[in-house]
Amino acid sequence: MTSTKNIPKYQDSAAQKKTLDDVIEGFIADAIERFPFLKGRLLIVDTNKPRSYGAADLDHYAVSLAADETSDYLDRLYAQQIKAVGPGSFAAYDPERRLCSIFYDNHIDETELNNITEDTERKILSTLDHELGHLAIENGYPNSNDLYVRVVGESIADAYALIRHYQRFGADSKLNFNYTNPVYRAHNMMHGDLRHFTTFVTDEIIKCKDQIDFNALSSEETARLAWRFAMNYVPPAPLIESLHNDLKPIRDAFKLSNKDGVKALIDRALHPETGYFNFRVTSRWLRSYLDGEFKFLNGDPGLSKEYLGNVSTELKEREFRLAAEDILFNVPTVSEKPASAPQRRSQPQPV
């Protein structure tokens, strides 16, 4: 399996300091080795400086772009993206030139540019892997505004980023970052970001992470596995829209306060009639909060430990039931029917 550990400028952080240039140049070298068709066709732009990477190796003839036109071309792409959706990292594919571009638009503190910390490096790589998944894997680049098509593309990208994270840092490594965190994706879906609802896909990878030998996967197998997880577990668009609508009471409660929002979340997750998909979303989010993984940026809700302890106990019981029943969660089953009273043998009537 191709590994960035074998690239001279991409050694373990304990051995030497890594600059932002080292991280991105190492990523490009690894990406081209994994996906040879990208050779001469991949550009990465860091908007922090700004600076582009890969331009020196660009096949200008193949992509019909002269060296002195490259900078203006990238500036136009970035300006179009900002105008259309605002700031943020993104991937762009030019079908006429067959040119792939990744724009890294996440802030990096200036003090780290020449000494990238391990946490920052993981976030950079997670972002770049996500965008690479869009460009390099079948169905990864959405060419339609259809919600299902877009969710498939985002799910492939998130799945690839998560699998690569496990390959680089081990299956026990945690990264509370949007591209690999199913809870943040569920949270954002509730607040309107439906096309990035990749929660069900990444959750399935997390469930299987101790069964998969990530380091034994070839480059092709890695990409194919990300595709398979996405194609198997992306929910249909009507279901995503329905979930978003069903979560409106929780969304409204959060507008009042984090405390009101969490209480509404608890009520929904623990309601005896909450359905299968609703419970998967609300319980996953609630469990992450109870375990201290999900943090509110604008203040903790301030609920008592005793109350949350009771909630956690009840949630575990329902989580156990979901694990046992799966798709039949909260569906009446034969085993739940009360045993009918035994029929008495009719007595002979007196003559």
Protein backbone atom coordinates (compact mmCIF):
# COMPACT_ATOMS: atom_id res chain seq x y z
CA MET A 1 0.00 0.00 0.00
CA THR A 2 1.23 3.47 -0.82
CA SER A 3 2.16 5.37 2.33
CA THR A 4 3.16 8.98 2.82
CA LYS A 5 5.59 7.71 5.46
CA ASN A 6 7.85 6.64 2.58
CA ILE A 7 7.99 10.13 1.08
CA PRO A 8 11.19 11.91 2.28
CA LYS A 9 9.47 15.26 2.98
CA TYR A 10 6.64 13.53 4.81
CA GLN A 11 8.34 11.81 7.70
CA ASP A 12 6.90 11.30 11.18
CA SER A 13 6.40 14.61 13.00
CA ALA A 14 8.49 13.36 15.93
CA ALA A 15 11.51 13.08 13.64
CA GLN A 16 11.42 16.59 12.19
CA LYS A 17 9.35 19.72 11.92
CA LYS A 18 6.93 19.88 9.03
CA THR A 19 6.00 23.05 7.20
CA LEU A 20 2.70 23.55 5.42
CA ASP A 21 4.63 23.14 2.16
CA ASP A 22 5.86 19.73 3.31
CA VAL A 23 2.36 18.54 4.15
CA ILE A 24 0.74 19.66 0.90
CA GLU A 25 3.62 18.62 -1.36
CA GLY A 26 3.67 15.23 0.34
CA PHE A 27 -0.06 14.92 -0.15
CA ILE A 28 0.21 15.68 -3.88
CA ALA A 29 2.95 13.09 -4.33
CA ASP A 30 0.86 10.47 -2.54
CA ALA A 31 -2.34 11.40 -4.43
CA ILE A 32 -0.64 11.02 -7.82
CA GLU A 33 0.86 7.68 -6.81
CA ARG A 34 -2.61 6.48 -5.73
CA PHE A 35 -4.40 7.91 -8.76
CA PRO A 36 -1.90 8.03 -11.66
CA PHE A 37 -4.40 9.75 -13.99
CA LEU A 38 -3.94 12.88 -11.86
CA LYS A 39 -0.32 13.27 -12.95
CA GLY A 40 0.05 16.64 -14.63
CA ARG A 41 -3.61 17.42 -13.90
CA LEU A 42 -3.74 18.24 -10.17
CA LEU A 43 -3.42 21.64 -8.56
CA ILE A 44 -3.83 22.50 -4.87
CA VAL A 45 -4.28 26.09 -3.72
CA ASP A 46 -3.69 27.17 -0.14
CA THR A 47 -5.70 30.34 0.32
CA ASN A 48 -3.87 31.21 3.56
CA LYS A 49 -0.82 32.55 1.70
CA PRO A 50 -2.13 32.25 -1.11
CA ARG A 51 0.00 29.76 -3.00
CA SER A 52 -0.61 27.01 -5.56
CA TYR A 53 1.05 23.60 -5.56
CA GLY A 54 1.50 21.28 -8.51
CA ALA A 55 1.85 24.07 -11.09
CA ALA A 56 5.47 23.14 -11.83
CA ASP A 57 4.40 19.61 -12.81
CA LEU A 58 1.26 20.64 -14.72
CA ASP A 59 0.97 19.21 -18.23
CA HIS A 60 0.10 22.53 -19.83
CA TYR A 61 -0.41 21.00 -23.27
CA ALA A 62 -2.76 18.27 -22.02
CA VAL A 63 -4.92 20.68 -19.97
CA SER A 64 -4.78 23.49 -22.56
CA LEU A 65 -3.54 26.01 -20.02
CA ALA A 66 -0.36 28.02 -20.47
CA ALA A 67 1.93 28.54 -17.51
CA ASP A 68 1.27 32.27 -17.42
CA GLU A 69 -2.51 31.66 -17.45
CA THR A 70 -2.61 29.30 -14.45
CA SER A 71 -2.74 31.92 -11.71
CA ASP A 72 -5.59 33.89 -13.33
CA TYR A 73 -7.47 30.65 -14.02
CA LEU A 74 -7.31 29.64 -10.33
CA ASP A 75 -8.27 33.15 -9.19
CA ARG A 76 -11.40 32.95 -11.35
CA LEU A 77 -12.37 29.56 -9.95
CA TYR A 78 -11.96 30.81 -6.39
CA ALA A 79 -13.92 34.02 -7.06
CA GLN A 80 -16.77 32.02 -8.62
CA GLN A 81 -16.94 29.72 -5.59
CA ILE A 82 -16.95 32.60 -3.11
CA LYS A 83 -19.72 34.32 -5.06
CA ALA A 84 -21.79 31.13 -5.31
CA VAL A 85 -21.51 29.59 -1.82
CA GLY A 86 -19.10 31.68 0.24
CA PRO A 87 -15.73 30.73 1.77
CA GLY A 88 -14.68 27.17 2.47
CA SER A 89 -12.50 24.44 1.02
CA PHE A 90 -13.73 22.88 -2.22
CA ALA A 91 -12.80 20.74 -5.21
CA ALA A 92 -13.24 21.84 -8.81
CA TYR A 93 -13.18 19.69 -11.93
CA ASP A 94 -12.91 21.25 -15.38
CA PRO A 95 -14.31 18.62 -17.80
CA GLU A 96 -13.00 20.41 -20.91
CA ARG A 97 -9.43 20.54 -19.63
CA ARG A 98 -9.75 17.43 -17.43
CA LEU A 99 -8.04 19.55 -14.80
CA CYS A 100 -8.53 18.87 -11.07
CA SER A 101 -8.15 21.63 -8.48
CA ILE A 102 -8.40 21.60 -4.70
CA PHE A 103 -8.73 24.84 -2.75
CA TYR A 104 -7.71 24.58 0.90
CA ASP A 105 -9.61 27.43 2.56
CA ASN A 106 -9.42 26.49 6.26
CA HIS A 107 -7.59 28.92 8.50
CA ILE A 108 -4.11 28.00 9.72
CA ASP A 109 -2.47 30.11 12.38
CA GLU A 110 0.52 31.96 10.96
CA THR A 111 2.76 30.66 13.75
CA GLU A 112 2.17 27.12 12.47
CA LEU A 113 3.04 27.61 8.81
CA ASN A 114 6.64 26.51 9.45
CA ASN A 115 5.86 24.03 12.24
CA ILE A 116 2.55 22.25 11.68
CA THR A 117 1.20 20.58 14.82
CA GLU A 118 -0.07 17.01 14.63
CA ASP A 119 -3.67 18.09 15.22
CA THR A 120 -3.50 20.70 12.45
CA GLU A 121 -1.87 18.20 10.10
CA ARG A 122 -4.69 15.72 10.67
CA LYS A 123 -7.26 18.39 9.87
CA ILE A 124 -5.39 19.46 6.73
CA LEU A 125 -5.12 15.87 5.51
CA SER A 126 -8.78 15.18 6.32
CA THR A 127 -9.81 18.18 4.25
CA LEU A 128 -7.54 17.31 1.33
CA ASP A 129 -8.61 13.65 1.38
CA HIS A 130 -12.25 14.71 1.30
CA GLU A 131 -11.70 16.95 -1.71
CA LEU A 132 -9.58 14.28 -3.41
CA GLY A 133 -12.43 11.82 -2.93
CA HIS A 134 -14.64 14.18 -4.92
CA LEU A 135 -12.18 14.30 -7.80
CA ALA A 136 -10.72 10.81 -7.96
CA ILE A 137 -13.56 8.39 -7.16
CA GLU A 138 -16.49 7.44 -9.36
CA ASN A 139 -19.67 9.40 -8.48
CA GLY A 140 -17.63 11.55 -6.10
CA TYR A 141 -18.01 14.77 -8.06
CA PRO A 142 -21.70 15.79 -8.12
CA ASN A 143 -22.67 16.99 -11.59
CA SER A 144 -26.28 17.67 -10.66
CA ASN A 145 -28.29 19.66 -8.15
CA ASP A 146 -30.31 16.54 -7.34
CA LEU A 147 -30.10 16.07 -3.56
CA TYR A 148 -29.44 12.33 -3.70
CA VAL A 149 -26.62 12.77 -6.25
CA ARG A 150 -25.02 15.46 -4.09
CA VAL A 151 -25.29 13.40 -0.89
CA VAL A 152 -23.70 10.43 -2.68
CA GLY A 153 -20.79 12.65 -3.72
CA GLU A 154 -20.31 14.04 -0.21
CA SER A 155 -20.62 10.57 1.31
CA ILE A 156 -17.94 9.14 -0.99
CA ALA A 157 -15.66 12.05 -0.06
CA ASP A 158 -16.31 11.67 3.69
CA ALA A 159 -15.93 7.90 3.55
CA TYR A 160 -12.61 8.22 1.74
CA ALA A 161 -11.37 10.83 4.23
CA LEU A 162 -12.31 8.62 7.19
CA ILE A 163 -10.72 5.48 5.74
CA ARG A 164 -7.51 7.37 4.92
CA HIS A 165 -7.49 8.79 8.44
CA TYR A 166 -7.57 5.25 9.85
CA GLN A 167 -4.82 4.18 7.45
CA ARG A 168 -2.58 7.03 8.52
CA PHE A 169 -3.26 7.20 12.24
CA GLY A 170 -4.86 3.89 13.26
CA ALA A 171 -8.43 2.73 13.81
CA ASP A 172 -8.44 3.99 17.41
CA SER A 173 -7.63 7.54 16.37
CA LYS A 174 -10.42 10.08 16.80
CA LEU A 175 -10.75 13.28 14.85
CA ASN A 176 -13.56 15.65 15.85
CA PHE A 177 -13.67 17.23 12.43
CA ASN A 178 -16.67 17.67 10.15
CA TYR A 179 -15.43 15.49 7.31
CA THR A 180 -15.14 12.41 9.50
CA ASN A 181 -17.60 13.10 12.32
CA PRO A 182 -21.12 11.71 11.80
CA VAL A 183 -22.51 13.75 14.71
CA TYR A 184 -21.46 17.11 13.28
CA ARG A 185 -22.95 16.09 9.93
CA ALA A 186 -26.24 15.22 11.66
CA HIS A 187 -26.17 18.52 13.58
CA ASN A 188 -25.62 20.48 10.38
CA MET A 189 -28.37 18.57 8.57
CA MET A 190 -30.85 19.56 11.25
CA HIS A 191 -29.89 23.20 10.67
CA GLY A 192 -30.34 22.98 6.90
CA ASP A 193 -27.20 21.44 5.35
CA LEU A 194 -28.97 18.47 3.79
CA ARG A 195 -26.42 17.69 1.07
CA HIS A 196 -23.71 16.90 3.63
CA PHE A 197 -25.82 14.39 5.54
CA THR A 198 -23.23 11.60 5.48
CA THR A 199 -23.94 10.40 9.02
CA PHE A 200 -25.28 6.95 8.16
CA VAL A 201 -22.33 6.21 5.86
CA THR A 202 -19.52 7.22 8.22
CA ASP A 203 -21.30 5.54 11.12
CA GLU A 204 -21.20 2.23 9.26
CA ILE A 205 -17.45 2.60 8.69
CA ILE A 206 -16.95 3.32 12.39
CA LYS A 207 -18.93 0.18 13.26
CA CYS A 208 -16.63 -1.89 11.03
CA LYS A 209 -13.33 -0.20 11.84
CA ASP A 210 -12.06 -3.01 14.06
CA GLN A 211 -12.84 -5.62 11.40
CA ILE A 212 -11.07 -3.92 8.49
CA ASP A 213 -7.32 -4.29 7.97
CA PHE A 214 -6.92 -0.74 6.69
CA ASN A 215 -3.17 -1.08 6.10
CA ALA A 216 -3.72 -4.10 3.85
CA LEU A 217 -5.92 -2.12 1.44
CA SER A 218 -4.37 -1.16 -1.87
CA SER A 219 -5.00 2.29 -3.31
CA GLU A 220 -7.69 0.85 -5.59
CA GLU A 221 -9.32 -1.10 -2.74
CA THR A 222 -9.37 2.00 -0.55
CA ALA A 223 -11.21 4.04 -3.17
CA ARG A 224 -13.57 1.18 -3.96
CA LEU A 225 -14.40 0.60 -0.29
CA ALA A 226 -15.30 4.27 0.18
CA TRP A 227 -17.57 4.01 -2.89
CA ARG A 228 -19.21 0.81 -1.62
CA PHE A 229 -20.00 2.24 1.81
CA ALA A 230 -21.55 5.32 0.21
CA MET A 231 -23.61 3.44 -2.35
CA ASN A 232 -24.93 1.04 0.27
CA TYR A 233 -25.80 3.46 3.07
CA VAL A 234 -26.75 6.83 1.55
CA PRO A 235 -30.45 7.32 2.40
CA PRO A 236 -32.90 8.44 -0.30
CA ALA A 237 -33.48 12.17 -0.65
CA PRO A 238 -37.10 12.06 0.61
CA LEU A 239 -35.90 10.45 3.85
CA ILE A 240 -33.30 13.18 4.42
CA GLU A 241 -35.90 15.86 3.77
CA SER A 242 -38.35 14.12 6.09
CA LEU A 243 -35.77 13.90 8.87
CA HIS A 244 -34.96 17.59 8.48
CA ASN A 245 -38.65 18.45 8.79
CA ASP A 246 -39.21 16.09 11.72
CA LEU A 247 -36.36 17.71 13.64
CA LYS A 248 -37.90 21.18 13.42
CA PRO A 249 -39.08 21.19 17.09
CA ILE A 250 -35.50 20.52 18.20
CA ARG A 251 -34.20 23.19 15.82
CA ASP A 252 -36.69 25.70 17.22
CA ALA A 253 -35.77 24.78 20.80
CA PHE A 254 -32.08 25.43 20.12
CA LYS A 255 -32.99 28.93 18.95
CA LEU A 256 -34.14 29.61 22.53
CA SER A 257 -31.07 28.18 24.24
CA ASN A 258 -28.71 25.19 24.22
CA LYS A 259 -30.47 23.92 27.33
CA ASP A 260 -33.87 23.96 25.64
CA GLY A 261 -32.37 22.35 22.55
CA VAL A 262 -30.73 19.47 24.42
CA LYS A 263 -33.88 18.82 26.43
CA ALA A 264 -35.91 18.67 23.21
CA LEU A 265 -33.28 16.33 21.76
CA ILE A 266 -33.55 14.09 24.83
CA ASP A 267 -37.33 14.05 24.65
CA ARG A 268 -37.25 13.01 21.00
CA ALA A 269 -34.55 10.36 21.41
CA LEU A 270 -36.21 8.76 24.43
CA HIS A 271 -39.83 9.04 23.28
CA PRO A 272 -41.26 5.50 23.17
CA GLU A 273 -42.69 6.02 19.68
CA THR A 274 -39.63 7.57 18.03
CA GLY A 275 -39.02 5.76 14.75
CA TYR A 276 -35.93 3.95 13.49
CA PHE A 277 -34.24 6.72 11.46
CA ASN A 278 -35.22 9.48 13.89
CA PHE A 279 -33.70 7.52 16.74
CA ARG A 280 -30.52 6.81 14.79
CA VAL A 281 -29.96 10.52 14.28
CA THR A 282 -31.06 11.88 17.66
CA SER A 283 -29.50 9.10 19.76
CA ARG A 284 -26.17 9.34 17.91
CA TRP A 285 -26.04 13.07 18.52
CA LEU A 286 -27.20 12.75 22.13
CA ARG A 287 -24.67 9.99 22.90
CA SER A 288 -21.86 12.14 21.54
CA TYR A 289 -22.93 15.02 23.80
CA LEU A 290 -23.28 12.79 26.88
CA ASP A 291 -19.82 11.30 26.27
CA GLY A 292 -18.26 14.76 25.99
CA GLU A 293 -17.36 14.48 22.29
CA PHE A 294 -19.81 17.08 20.96
CA LYS A 295 -19.04 20.57 22.27
CA PHE A 296 -21.26 23.63 21.99
CA LEU A 297 -19.28 26.65 20.85
CA ASN A 298 -21.60 29.10 22.61
CA GLY A 299 -21.73 27.52 26.04
CA ASP A 300 -22.62 24.27 27.78
CA PRO A 301 -26.37 23.76 28.40
CA GLY A 302 -25.75 23.46 32.15
CA LEU A 303 -27.94 20.41 32.85
CA SER A 304 -27.30 18.57 36.11
CA LYS A 305 -25.04 15.51 36.22
CA GLU A 306 -27.77 13.51 37.96
CA TYR A 307 -30.29 14.30 35.23
CA LEU A 308 -27.82 13.50 32.44
CA GLY A 309 -26.79 10.31 34.23
CA ASN A 310 -30.39 9.10 34.22
CA VAL A 311 -30.71 10.07 30.57
CA SER A 312 -27.55 8.13 29.72
CA THR A 313 -28.86 5.00 31.45
CA GLU A 314 -32.16 5.15 29.61
CA LEU A 315 -30.44 5.88 26.32
CA LYS A 316 -28.17 2.86 26.71
CA GLU A 317 -31.21 0.64 27.13
CA ARG A 318 -32.72 1.97 23.91
CA GLU A 319 -29.39 1.77 22.08
CA PHE A 320 -29.14 -1.89 23.11
CA ARG A 321 -32.63 -2.45 21.77
CA LEU A 322 -31.73 -0.78 18.47
CA ALA A 323 -28.64 -2.97 18.16
CA ALA A 324 -30.73 -6.08 18.76
CA GLU A 325 -33.73 -5.18 16.59
CA ASP A 326 -32.07 -2.98 13.93
CA ILE A 327 -34.64 -2.17 11.23
CA LEU A 328 -37.46 -3.59 13.39
CA PHE A 329 -36.79 -0.99 16.11
CA ASN A 330 -40.14 0.16 17.55
CA VAL A 331 -42.05 -2.14 15.19
CA PRO A 332 -44.56 -4.52 16.82
CA THR A 333 -43.32 -8.08 16.72
CA VAL A 334 -44.88 -11.44 17.47
CA SER A 335 -42.70 -11.91 20.54
CA GLU A 336 -44.22 -8.79 22.13
CA LYS A 337 -47.80 -10.00 21.91
CA PRO A 338 -49.25 -10.99 25.29
CA ALA A 339 -49.72 -14.71 25.58
CA SER A 340 -53.35 -15.56 24.99
CA ALA A 341 -55.22 -17.30 27.81
CA PRO A 342 -55.41 -21.08 27.33
CA GLN A 343 -58.71 -22.26 25.96
CA ARG A 344 -60.79 -24.22 28.48
CA ARG A 345 -62.28 -27.50 27.41
CA SER A 346 -66.03 -27.09 27.16
CA GLN A 347 -67.93 -28.81 29.94
CA PRO A 348 -70.79 -31.19 29.20
CA GLN A 349 -74.15 -29.58 29.80
CA PRO A 350 -76.55 -31.25 32.20
CA VAL A 351 -79.48 -33.04 30.52
